[in-house]
Each structure stands twice: as C-alpha cells, then as structure tokens.
Amino acid sequence: KQWYQRRVAITAGVLSLIAGAAGAATSGLAAVPFMAGFTSGGVVAGSLAAGAQAAIGNVAAGGVFATLQTIGATTVLGTVAGPVIAVVGTAACVAAVIIL
C-alpha cells in the first residue's frame, strides 16, 4: 500500500512540475509585451515600449511594434494576468519538487 501511495505522489508531482513549467513559460513569454510597456491602455510612458516608439517615430501598421501593441491591448496576457499566471506556474513547480 505504501508503495502505491508513493507512486501516486510521484506521478502527481511530475505532472504538476510539467504543467507548472509549461504554464510559467507560456505565460511568462506572452507577458513580455506587457512588461515592456505595451498594455490595453496603450504604451506606458517611460517604458521600453515608449522609448522604442520615440526612436521609430511613425509606427507602420503590421510591423513588430504594432503587433506587440496589439498583443498588449487585446489579450488577457496583455494585462497583469500573464505575470501572475507565470508566478502561479512557478509555485506549482516548486510544490512538485517538494512532493518529489
């Protein structure tokens, strides 16, 4: 019985580790535009995005800058949700390591 319980705990830990790592990586990557200053409210003053926009000048539609702004303005991950999901995923990884 103990062997079975330990095996279930290891399986749960490994699955939590995989899910947590995937969630953290995906959300963290998708949150990059938000952290750079591309948000649903537009480009944040004083941010990396604002500096890039000042250097570019007139932003062309369909370009990298415009695409990043679209991601920041139209996705849930263009808000604080991305970093929060990344932290939760990282916590799941830590919990999985403790379980293992």
N, C-alpha and C. Protein backbone atom coordinates (compact mmCIF):
# COMPACT_ATOMS: atom_id res chain seq x y z
N LYS A 1 0.83 -1.19 0.00
CA LYS A 1 0.00 0.00 0.00
C LYS A 1 0.87 1.26 0.00
N GLN A 2 1.92 1.29 0.79
CA GLN A 2 2.80 2.46 0.83
C GLN A 2 3.46 2.68 -0.52
N TRP A 3 3.84 1.59 -1.17
CA TRP A 3 4.47 1.70 -2.49
C TRP A 3 3.53 2.39 -3.46
N TYR A 4 2.26 2.00 -3.45
CA TYR A 4 1.26 2.59 -4.34
C TYR A 4 1.07 4.07 -4.05
N GLN A 5 0.96 4.43 -2.77
CA GLN A 5 0.76 5.83 -2.40
C GLN A 5 1.96 6.67 -2.82
N ARG A 6 3.15 6.13 -2.66
CA ARG A 6 4.36 6.87 -3.07
C ARG A 6 4.38 7.06 -4.58
N ARG A 7 3.98 6.05 -5.31
CA ARG A 7 3.95 6.13 -6.78
C ARG A 7 2.93 7.18 -7.24
N VAL A 8 1.77 7.24 -6.59
CA VAL A 8 0.76 8.24 -6.92
C VAL A 8 1.30 9.64 -6.63
N ALA A 9 1.99 9.80 -5.51
CA ALA A 9 2.56 11.11 -5.15
C ALA A 9 3.62 11.53 -6.16
N ILE A 10 4.45 10.61 -6.58
CA ILE A 10 5.49 10.93 -7.58
C ILE A 10 4.85 11.31 -8.90
N THR A 11 3.84 10.56 -9.33
CA THR A 11 3.14 10.88 -10.58
C THR A 11 2.49 12.25 -10.50
N ALA A 12 1.84 12.55 -9.39
CA ALA A 12 1.21 13.86 -9.22
C ALA A 12 2.26 14.96 -9.23
N GLY A 13 3.39 14.71 -8.59
CA GLY A 13 4.47 15.69 -8.57
C GLY A 13 5.03 15.96 -9.95
N VAL A 14 5.26 14.91 -10.72
CA VAL A 14 5.80 15.07 -12.07
C VAL A 14 4.81 15.81 -12.96
N LEU A 15 3.53 15.44 -12.88
CA LEU A 15 2.51 16.13 -13.68
C LEU A 15 2.40 17.59 -13.28
N SER A 16 2.47 17.89 -11.99
CA SER A 16 2.43 19.28 -11.53
C SER A 16 3.64 20.05 -12.03
N LEU A 17 4.79 19.41 -12.01
CA LEU A 17 6.01 20.04 -12.50
C LEU A 17 5.90 20.37 -13.98
N ILE A 18 5.42 19.44 -14.77
CA ILE A 18 5.28 19.66 -16.22
C ILE A 18 4.25 20.77 -16.49
N ALA A 19 3.09 20.67 -15.85
CA ALA A 19 2.05 21.68 -16.06
C ALA A 19 2.49 23.05 -15.58
N GLY A 20 3.13 23.09 -14.44
CA GLY A 20 3.60 24.37 -13.90
C GLY A 20 4.66 25.00 -14.78
N ALA A 21 5.60 24.19 -15.25
CA ALA A 21 6.67 24.71 -16.11
C ALA A 21 6.09 25.21 -17.43
N ALA A 22 5.16 24.45 -18.01
CA ALA A 22 4.55 24.88 -19.27
C ALA A 22 3.75 26.17 -19.07
N GLY A 23 3.00 26.25 -18.00
CA GLY A 23 2.22 27.46 -17.72
C GLY A 23 3.11 28.66 -17.47
N ALA A 24 4.16 28.46 -16.69
CA ALA A 24 5.07 29.57 -16.39
C ALA A 24 5.78 30.05 -17.65
N ALA A 25 6.25 29.12 -18.46
CA ALA A 25 6.97 29.51 -19.67
C ALA A 25 6.05 30.22 -20.66
N THR A 26 4.89 29.65 -20.90
CA THR A 26 3.95 30.24 -21.85
C THR A 26 3.47 31.61 -21.40
N SER A 27 3.05 31.70 -20.15
CA SER A 27 2.55 32.97 -19.64
C SER A 27 3.65 34.01 -19.52
N GLY A 28 4.81 33.56 -19.09
CA GLY A 28 5.93 34.48 -18.99
C GLY A 28 6.31 35.06 -20.33
N LEU A 29 6.36 34.20 -21.34
CA LEU A 29 6.70 34.66 -22.69
C LEU A 29 5.61 35.58 -23.24
N ALA A 30 4.37 35.19 -23.05
CA ALA A 30 3.27 36.00 -23.56
C ALA A 30 3.15 37.33 -22.82
N ALA A 31 3.69 37.41 -21.61
CA ALA A 31 3.60 38.64 -20.82
C ALA A 31 4.71 39.63 -21.16
N VAL A 32 5.67 39.24 -21.99
CA VAL A 32 6.78 40.13 -22.33
C VAL A 32 6.30 41.48 -22.88
N PRO A 33 5.34 41.51 -23.82
CA PRO A 33 4.88 42.82 -24.29
C PRO A 33 4.33 43.69 -23.16
N PHE A 34 3.57 43.10 -22.24
CA PHE A 34 3.02 43.85 -21.11
C PHE A 34 4.15 44.42 -20.25
N MET A 35 5.14 43.60 -19.96
CA MET A 35 6.24 44.05 -19.11
C MET A 35 7.10 45.11 -19.80
N ALA A 36 7.10 45.10 -21.13
CA ALA A 36 7.86 46.11 -21.88
C ALA A 36 7.10 47.42 -22.00
N GLY A 37 5.81 47.42 -21.66
CA GLY A 37 5.04 48.66 -21.68
C GLY A 37 3.91 48.70 -22.69
N PHE A 38 3.64 47.59 -23.35
CA PHE A 38 2.51 47.50 -24.28
C PHE A 38 1.30 47.01 -23.49
N THR A 39 0.33 47.88 -23.23
CA THR A 39 -0.81 47.50 -22.40
C THR A 39 -2.13 47.80 -23.10
N SER A 40 -3.21 47.38 -22.46
CA SER A 40 -4.53 47.64 -23.02
C SER A 40 -4.86 49.13 -23.02
N GLY A 41 -4.16 49.90 -22.23
CA GLY A 41 -4.36 51.35 -22.20
C GLY A 41 -3.41 52.10 -23.12
N GLY A 42 -2.65 51.37 -23.92
CA GLY A 42 -1.67 51.98 -24.81
C GLY A 42 -0.26 51.81 -24.28
N VAL A 43 0.67 52.50 -24.90
CA VAL A 43 2.07 52.40 -24.49
C VAL A 43 2.26 53.19 -23.20
N VAL A 44 2.90 52.58 -22.22
CA VAL A 44 3.13 53.20 -20.92
C VAL A 44 4.28 54.20 -21.02
N ALA A 45 4.04 55.43 -20.56
CA ALA A 45 5.07 56.47 -20.59
C ALA A 45 6.29 56.04 -19.79
N GLY A 46 7.47 56.28 -20.35
CA GLY A 46 8.72 55.95 -19.67
C GLY A 46 9.14 54.50 -19.78
N SER A 47 8.36 53.69 -20.48
CA SER A 47 8.67 52.26 -20.60
C SER A 47 9.61 52.00 -21.78
N LEU A 48 10.05 50.77 -21.88
CA LEU A 48 10.86 50.35 -23.02
C LEU A 48 10.09 50.56 -24.32
N ALA A 49 8.79 50.27 -24.30
CA ALA A 49 7.96 50.46 -25.48
C ALA A 49 7.90 51.94 -25.88
N ALA A 50 7.81 52.83 -24.90
CA ALA A 50 7.76 54.26 -25.19
C ALA A 50 9.08 54.72 -25.82
N GLY A 51 10.19 54.21 -25.31
CA GLY A 51 11.49 54.54 -25.89
C GLY A 51 11.61 54.06 -27.33
N ALA A 52 11.11 52.84 -27.58
CA ALA A 52 11.15 52.30 -28.94
C ALA A 52 10.27 53.12 -29.87
N GLN A 53 9.10 53.52 -29.38
CA GLN A 53 8.19 54.32 -30.20
C GLN A 53 8.81 55.68 -30.52
N ALA A 54 9.50 56.27 -29.56
CA ALA A 54 10.16 57.55 -29.79
C ALA A 54 11.26 57.41 -30.84
N ALA A 55 11.97 56.29 -30.81
CA ALA A 55 13.04 56.05 -31.77
C ALA A 55 12.49 55.77 -33.17
N ILE A 56 11.37 55.05 -33.23
CA ILE A 56 10.77 54.68 -34.52
C ILE A 56 10.10 55.88 -35.17
N GLY A 57 9.39 56.64 -34.36
CA GLY A 57 8.61 57.75 -34.90
C GLY A 57 7.25 57.26 -35.34
N ASN A 58 6.93 57.41 -36.61
CA ASN A 58 5.65 56.98 -37.14
C ASN A 58 5.63 55.45 -37.24
N VAL A 59 4.77 54.81 -36.49
CA VAL A 59 4.71 53.34 -36.44
C VAL A 59 3.89 52.81 -37.61
N ALA A 60 4.48 51.90 -38.36
CA ALA A 60 3.79 51.30 -39.51
C ALA A 60 2.86 50.18 -39.05
N ALA A 61 1.67 50.14 -39.63
CA ALA A 61 0.73 49.05 -39.34
C ALA A 61 1.33 47.73 -39.80
N GLY A 62 1.15 46.70 -38.98
CA GLY A 62 1.63 45.37 -39.34
C GLY A 62 3.08 45.13 -38.97
N GLY A 63 3.77 46.13 -38.46
CA GLY A 63 5.16 45.96 -38.06
C GLY A 63 5.26 45.29 -36.69
N VAL A 64 6.49 45.07 -36.25
CA VAL A 64 6.72 44.41 -34.97
C VAL A 64 6.14 45.24 -33.83
N PHE A 65 6.39 46.55 -33.83
CA PHE A 65 5.88 47.41 -32.77
C PHE A 65 4.35 47.35 -32.71
N ALA A 66 3.72 47.48 -33.87
CA ALA A 66 2.25 47.45 -33.93
C ALA A 66 1.71 46.10 -33.47
N THR A 67 2.39 45.03 -33.82
CA THR A 67 1.97 43.69 -33.42
C THR A 67 2.07 43.52 -31.90
N LEU A 68 3.16 44.00 -31.32
CA LEU A 68 3.32 43.92 -29.87
C LEU A 68 2.25 44.74 -29.15
N GLN A 69 1.93 45.89 -29.71
CA GLN A 69 0.87 46.72 -29.11
C GLN A 69 -0.48 46.03 -29.21
N THR A 70 -0.74 45.37 -30.32
CA THR A 70 -1.99 44.63 -30.48
C THR A 70 -2.08 43.52 -29.45
N ILE A 71 -0.98 42.79 -29.24
CA ILE A 71 -0.97 41.72 -28.23
C ILE A 71 -1.23 42.31 -26.85
N GLY A 72 -0.55 43.40 -26.54
CA GLY A 72 -0.72 44.03 -25.24
C GLY A 72 -2.12 44.59 -25.02
N ALA A 73 -2.74 45.05 -26.08
CA ALA A 73 -4.04 45.70 -25.96
C ALA A 73 -5.22 44.74 -26.02
N THR A 74 -5.05 43.59 -26.62
CA THR A 74 -6.22 42.75 -26.90
C THR A 74 -6.23 41.40 -26.22
N THR A 75 -5.19 41.03 -25.51
CA THR A 75 -5.19 39.71 -24.89
C THR A 75 -5.23 39.83 -23.38
N VAL A 76 -5.72 38.79 -22.75
CA VAL A 76 -5.70 38.73 -21.28
C VAL A 76 -4.26 38.78 -20.80
N LEU A 77 -3.37 38.18 -21.57
CA LEU A 77 -1.96 38.18 -21.18
C LEU A 77 -1.31 39.53 -21.41
N GLY A 78 -2.03 40.47 -22.02
CA GLY A 78 -1.54 41.83 -22.16
C GLY A 78 -1.86 42.66 -20.92
N THR A 79 -2.31 41.99 -19.88
CA THR A 79 -2.58 42.65 -18.60
C THR A 79 -1.66 42.04 -17.56
N VAL A 80 -1.93 42.30 -16.34
CA VAL A 80 -1.12 41.74 -15.26
C VAL A 80 -1.34 40.23 -15.12
N ALA A 81 -2.32 39.67 -15.84
CA ALA A 81 -2.61 38.24 -15.73
C ALA A 81 -1.42 37.38 -16.13
N GLY A 82 -0.69 37.79 -17.17
CA GLY A 82 0.46 36.98 -17.62
C GLY A 82 1.49 36.77 -16.54
N PRO A 83 2.00 37.83 -15.93
CA PRO A 83 2.97 37.63 -14.85
C PRO A 83 2.40 36.85 -13.67
N VAL A 84 1.12 37.06 -13.35
CA VAL A 84 0.50 36.34 -12.23
C VAL A 84 0.44 34.85 -12.56
N ILE A 85 0.04 34.50 -13.78
CA ILE A 85 -0.01 33.10 -14.18
C ILE A 85 1.38 32.49 -14.15
N ALA A 86 2.38 33.24 -14.57
CA ALA A 86 3.76 32.75 -14.54
C ALA A 86 4.20 32.45 -13.10
N VAL A 87 3.83 33.31 -12.17
CA VAL A 87 4.19 33.10 -10.76
C VAL A 87 3.47 31.86 -10.22
N VAL A 88 2.20 31.69 -10.57
CA VAL A 88 1.45 30.52 -10.12
C VAL A 88 2.07 29.24 -10.70
N GLY A 89 2.46 29.28 -11.97
CA GLY A 89 3.11 28.13 -12.59
C GLY A 89 4.43 27.80 -11.91
N THR A 90 5.18 28.82 -11.57
CA THR A 90 6.45 28.61 -10.87
C THR A 90 6.20 28.00 -9.49
N ALA A 91 5.16 28.49 -8.81
CA ALA A 91 4.80 27.93 -7.49
C ALA A 91 4.42 26.45 -7.63
N ALA A 92 3.72 26.11 -8.70
CA ALA A 92 3.35 24.71 -8.93
C ALA A 92 4.60 23.85 -9.12
N CYS A 93 5.59 24.40 -9.81
CA CYS A 93 6.86 23.68 -10.00
C CYS A 93 7.55 23.45 -8.65
N VAL A 94 7.58 24.47 -7.83
CA VAL A 94 8.21 24.36 -6.52
C VAL A 94 7.47 23.32 -5.67
N ALA A 95 6.14 23.36 -5.70
CA ALA A 95 5.35 22.37 -4.95
C ALA A 95 5.63 20.96 -5.44
N ALA A 96 5.77 20.82 -6.75
CA ALA A 96 6.05 19.50 -7.32
C ALA A 96 7.40 18.98 -6.86
N VAL A 97 8.39 19.85 -6.80
CA VAL A 97 9.73 19.44 -6.35
C VAL A 97 9.66 19.01 -4.87
N ILE A 98 8.87 19.73 -4.07
CA ILE A 98 8.72 19.38 -2.66
C ILE A 98 8.05 18.01 -2.53
N ILE A 99 7.03 17.77 -3.37
CA ILE A 99 6.32 16.48 -3.34
C ILE A 99 7.27 15.34 -3.71
N LEU A 100 8.11 15.62 -4.71
CA LEU A 100 9.03 14.57 -5.15
C LEU A 100 10.10 14.35 -4.13
